[in-house]
Each structure stands twice: as C-alpha cells, then as structure tokens.
Amino acid sequence: TDIAPNALESFDEARCAAIRDACATNNIHLGLHTLSGVNVAEISPFLREATDAYLKAYVDLAKKLNAEWVVVHGGYHFTGCKEIRKQASVDRLKRIVEYAEQKDVLLQLENLNSEPALAEVHYMPDTLEDTVWYFDQIQSDHLKWAFTINHAHYDAIGIAGFVDGMGMDRCDEVRVADNNGEYELHMHPGTGTVDFVDMFRRIE
C-alpha cells in the first residue's frame, strides 16, 4: 500500500469498509506487506522518525481493514555500518511490536535474501543465525516468522536448514516461489530447482 493505485493515504473509511465487506463475503484472508526497500535499519535524522511512522501506519491500516497480519523486514546495512544498523533495526522492531501488541495486530518478520559476499548492501535478517537472533531479541506473541522458501533455497543450508534451525512453531506464514538455487529470483513453481515435495513434507 505504498503507491497508487493502493497508496496508503487513499484508504479512507469508505474504502476500508468496502474491502472489509469483500473479504468477509468471499472468505478472503487479507495480509499487508511493507516495502522491503524502506530501511527498517535507518539511523539518519528525520528518517528515523519517518520509518517509525511508516511502520505504525501499516499497523493502523491493518486494524482498519481487519487484516490478519503485516509482513515486516529487518532492513539493510552497508557493509561498514552493519552493527549499528542491526541494533537500530531490532530496536525499531521492538517499538513496532509493542505498538502492534497495543493494537492487537500480528506482525510477521520475513527472512530476506542474501546478496553476494562482495556486495555493499545486505538485507537483514538473511541467514539462519541472524533470523534466530532477531526472534531471540524480540519475544512476543505478536511477532511470528514469515518463511520465504525461495530466499532460503540458495543459502548453503537450504530450506531444510531453515526449517530445522528455526522450528516451525515460530512460523505463521510460508511464502512460496521457486528459485534457481543461485541468486535472488521469484520464479513460478516448477520453473526452478526447489524440491516442493520435500519442502511441503518438511513444513507440514
């Protein structure tokens, strides 16, 4: 809900009511997904406050739409400032989780895609270790795991490693796309190298 035709500010009460009714009538389960390009690990003046406001606005909209979850991210760092941005990221998510608890809105933290080792920019959390660390830092019934299998697929440990290492008790959603096993791609199921039979057996 960032830009037209679904810009966040376009969701007035009339539009929200129509969406609520459509979901109820058609048994649609609605979730919102924040933009991964918005850096939740923001540390700069003015942008710090703007990022907090952005995430709160999604929580507020979820409440207005009766959305069942909001997918959030840990942001990204530039190699030389990893630790300060990682701390800013988890501190910001703690604040937004506390706000979501007050509003009774469920947040889902997505495991993001890794970038080549020499890339300057890296998403967080992208490894199993970092994903576990985030959930260890923020323990709340209002924060669950959004498991994106294609992001895990080309990690050295693969989908199986994430399932075993995270534990499915933390998982509230499985985001399904295929991947070539080499780098970040969202492909139609069956066009890449994900073993979907094995994947579904593991998550079930």
Protein backbone atom coordinates (compact mmCIF):
# COMPACT_ATOMS: atom_id res chain seq x y z
CA THR A 1 0.00 0.00 0.00
CA ASP A 2 2.84 2.41 -0.79
CA ILE A 3 1.94 3.88 -4.18
CA ALA A 4 -1.08 4.31 -6.47
CA PRO A 5 -3.48 2.68 -7.04
CA ASN A 6 -3.12 1.48 -3.45
CA ALA A 7 -1.36 4.44 -1.84
CA LEU A 8 -1.67 4.21 1.92
CA GLU A 9 -3.30 7.61 2.24
CA SER A 10 -6.10 6.54 -0.14
CA PHE A 11 -7.55 4.13 2.41
CA ASP A 12 -10.29 6.27 3.91
CA GLU A 13 -13.14 4.72 5.88
CA ALA A 14 -15.32 4.18 2.82
CA ARG A 15 -12.60 2.24 1.01
CA CYS A 16 -11.70 0.25 4.11
CA ALA A 17 -15.34 -0.67 4.70
CA ALA A 18 -15.70 -1.94 1.13
CA ILE A 19 -12.58 -4.08 1.50
CA ARG A 20 -13.70 -5.46 4.85
CA ASP A 21 -17.07 -6.40 3.35
CA ALA A 22 -15.49 -8.02 0.28
CA CYS A 23 -13.17 -10.11 2.43
CA ALA A 24 -15.98 -11.22 4.73
CA THR A 25 -18.33 -12.05 1.86
CA ASN A 26 -15.74 -14.02 -0.11
CA ASN A 27 -13.85 -15.59 2.81
CA ILE A 28 -10.63 -13.80 1.85
CA HIS A 29 -7.76 -13.73 4.34
CA LEU A 30 -6.06 -10.36 3.97
CA GLY A 31 -2.50 -9.51 4.95
CA LEU A 32 -0.37 -6.43 4.34
CA HIS A 33 3.26 -6.38 3.24
CA THR A 34 5.55 -3.45 3.97
CA LEU A 35 8.04 -2.47 1.29
CA SER A 36 11.45 -4.12 1.68
CA GLY A 37 13.01 -1.00 0.12
CA VAL A 38 12.11 1.01 3.24
CA ASN A 39 15.13 0.63 5.50
CA VAL A 40 13.96 -0.50 8.93
CA ALA A 41 17.62 -0.16 9.99
CA GLU A 42 17.51 3.60 9.35
CA ILE A 43 19.85 5.68 11.55
CA SER A 44 19.75 9.13 9.92
CA PRO A 45 17.98 12.20 11.37
CA PHE A 46 14.38 12.74 10.23
CA LEU A 47 14.37 9.36 8.50
CA ARG A 48 14.48 7.59 11.88
CA GLU A 49 11.16 9.09 12.88
CA ALA A 50 9.71 8.64 9.39
CA THR A 51 10.48 4.91 9.44
CA ASP A 52 8.74 4.50 12.79
CA ALA A 53 5.72 6.41 11.46
CA TYR A 54 5.68 4.27 8.32
CA LEU A 55 5.51 1.02 10.29
CA LYS A 56 2.89 2.37 12.69
CA ALA A 57 0.77 3.43 9.72
CA TYR A 58 0.76 -0.14 8.46
CA VAL A 59 -0.36 -1.41 11.85
CA ASP A 60 -3.13 1.19 11.92
CA LEU A 61 -4.25 0.26 8.41
CA ALA A 62 -4.27 -3.44 9.29
CA LYS A 63 -6.63 -2.63 12.14
CA LYS A 64 -8.91 -0.60 9.83
CA LEU A 65 -9.00 -3.38 7.23
CA ASN A 66 -9.25 -6.31 9.66
CA ALA A 67 -6.06 -7.60 8.04
CA GLU A 68 -4.80 -10.71 9.79
CA TRP A 69 -1.08 -9.91 9.59
CA VAL A 70 1.54 -7.41 8.46
CA VAL A 71 4.84 -8.62 6.97
CA VAL A 72 7.82 -6.56 8.14
CA HIS A 73 11.56 -6.66 7.45
CA GLY A 74 14.78 -6.01 9.30
CA GLY A 75 16.06 -3.51 6.74
CA TYR A 76 19.53 -3.48 5.26
CA HIS A 77 23.05 -2.38 6.05
CA PHE A 78 26.03 -1.11 4.13
CA THR A 79 28.99 -3.30 4.98
CA GLY A 80 30.89 -0.75 7.08
CA CYS A 81 27.95 0.03 9.40
CA LYS A 82 26.49 -3.42 9.96
CA GLU A 83 26.43 -3.49 13.74
CA ILE A 84 24.95 -0.04 14.35
CA ARG A 85 22.23 -0.64 11.74
CA LYS A 86 21.49 -4.12 13.04
CA GLN A 87 20.95 -2.70 16.52
CA ALA A 88 18.81 0.14 15.15
CA SER A 89 16.77 -2.44 13.27
CA VAL A 90 15.98 -4.62 16.25
CA ASP A 91 15.29 -1.59 18.48
CA ARG A 92 12.81 -0.24 15.91
CA LEU A 93 11.11 -3.61 15.56
CA LYS A 94 10.79 -3.83 19.34
CA ARG A 95 8.97 -0.49 19.30
CA ILE A 96 6.65 -1.51 16.48
CA VAL A 97 5.93 -4.88 18.09
CA GLU A 98 4.97 -3.09 21.29
CA TYR A 99 2.67 -0.85 19.24
CA ALA A 100 1.19 -3.90 17.48
CA GLU A 101 0.54 -5.50 20.86
CA GLN A 102 -1.46 -2.45 21.90
CA LYS A 103 -3.47 -2.59 18.66
CA ASP A 104 -3.73 -6.41 18.67
CA VAL A 105 -2.15 -6.73 15.22
CA LEU A 106 0.07 -9.65 14.25
CA LEU A 107 3.43 -8.89 12.64
CA GLN A 108 5.44 -11.38 10.60
CA LEU A 109 9.19 -10.93 10.17
CA GLU A 110 10.41 -12.22 6.82
CA ASN A 111 13.75 -13.94 6.24
CA LEU A 112 15.23 -11.94 3.39
CA ASN A 113 17.53 -12.82 0.53
CA SER A 114 21.28 -12.88 0.86
CA GLU A 115 23.44 -10.88 -1.52
CA PRO A 116 26.87 -11.84 -2.94
CA ALA A 117 29.62 -11.61 -0.33
CA LEU A 118 31.25 -8.64 -2.07
CA ALA A 119 28.02 -6.66 -2.39
CA GLU A 120 27.99 -3.38 -0.47
CA VAL A 121 24.35 -3.69 0.61
CA HIS A 122 22.95 -6.65 2.57
CA TYR A 123 19.42 -7.32 3.80
CA MET A 124 18.69 -8.34 7.39
CA PRO A 125 17.97 -10.96 8.52
CA ASP A 126 19.21 -13.10 5.64
CA THR A 127 20.93 -16.01 7.37
CA LEU A 128 19.55 -18.57 9.79
CA GLU A 129 21.85 -17.22 12.51
CA ASP A 130 20.56 -13.67 12.12
CA THR A 131 16.93 -14.77 11.83
CA VAL A 132 17.20 -16.71 15.09
CA TRP A 133 18.95 -13.72 16.70
CA TYR A 134 16.11 -11.36 15.77
CA PHE A 135 13.49 -13.63 17.30
CA ASP A 136 15.59 -14.16 20.40
CA GLN A 137 15.77 -10.38 20.84
CA ILE A 138 12.04 -9.80 20.27
CA GLN A 139 9.92 -12.39 22.02
CA SER A 140 6.24 -11.64 21.58
CA ASP A 141 3.07 -13.46 20.59
CA HIS A 142 2.55 -10.61 18.13
CA LEU A 143 5.72 -11.37 16.14
CA LYS A 144 5.88 -14.53 14.05
CA TRP A 145 8.04 -15.77 11.20
CA ALA A 146 7.15 -15.31 7.52
CA PHE A 147 9.18 -18.10 5.93
CA THR A 148 10.14 -17.20 2.34
CA ILE A 149 11.35 -20.50 0.96
CA ASN A 150 12.99 -19.12 -2.19
CA HIS A 151 15.16 -16.83 -0.05
CA ALA A 152 16.32 -19.84 1.96
CA HIS A 153 16.76 -22.10 -1.07
CA TYR A 154 20.09 -20.74 -2.26
CA ASP A 155 21.55 -20.43 1.23
CA ALA A 156 24.15 -23.13 1.88
CA ILE A 157 21.85 -24.79 4.45
CA GLY A 158 18.81 -24.53 2.19
CA ILE A 159 15.14 -24.79 3.08
CA ALA A 160 15.77 -27.87 5.24
CA GLY A 161 18.31 -25.99 7.34
CA PHE A 162 15.92 -23.11 8.00
CA VAL A 163 13.07 -25.45 8.93
CA ASP A 164 15.29 -27.40 11.32
CA GLY A 165 17.08 -24.36 12.73
CA MET A 166 14.11 -22.05 13.23
CA GLY A 167 11.47 -24.52 14.29
CA MET A 168 8.06 -24.26 12.69
CA ASP A 169 6.43 -23.20 15.97
CA ARG A 170 7.67 -19.67 15.16
CA CYS A 171 6.22 -19.77 11.64
CA ASP A 172 2.86 -18.18 10.79
CA GLU A 173 3.14 -17.98 7.01
CA VAL A 174 5.07 -19.77 4.26
CA ARG A 175 5.74 -17.60 1.21
CA VAL A 176 6.08 -19.83 -1.84
CA ALA A 177 8.03 -19.16 -5.03
CA ASP A 178 10.60 -21.13 -6.97
CA ASN A 179 14.26 -20.19 -7.35
CA ASN A 180 17.27 -21.25 -9.42
CA GLY A 181 19.35 -22.06 -6.34
CA GLU A 182 21.97 -19.47 -7.27
CA TYR A 183 20.71 -15.94 -6.59
CA GLU A 184 17.59 -13.91 -5.80
CA LEU A 185 14.72 -14.70 -8.15
CA HIS A 186 10.99 -15.17 -7.62
CA MET A 187 10.04 -17.84 -10.18
CA HIS A 188 6.80 -19.71 -10.87
CA PRO A 189 6.68 -23.05 -9.03
CA GLY A 190 8.14 -25.77 -11.22
CA THR A 191 10.40 -23.49 -13.24
CA GLY A 192 13.33 -23.54 -10.80
CA THR A 193 15.09 -26.09 -8.61
CA VAL A 194 13.08 -26.07 -5.35
CA ASP A 195 12.03 -29.60 -4.35
CA PHE A 196 8.42 -28.77 -3.47
CA VAL A 197 7.53 -32.31 -2.40
CA ASP A 198 10.33 -32.29 0.17
CA MET A 199 9.56 -28.69 1.17
CA PHE A 200 5.87 -29.34 1.86
CA ARG A 201 6.64 -32.54 3.77
CA ARG A 202 9.07 -30.64 5.99
CA ILE A 203 6.80 -27.69 6.78
CA GLU A 204 3.81 -29.96 7.40
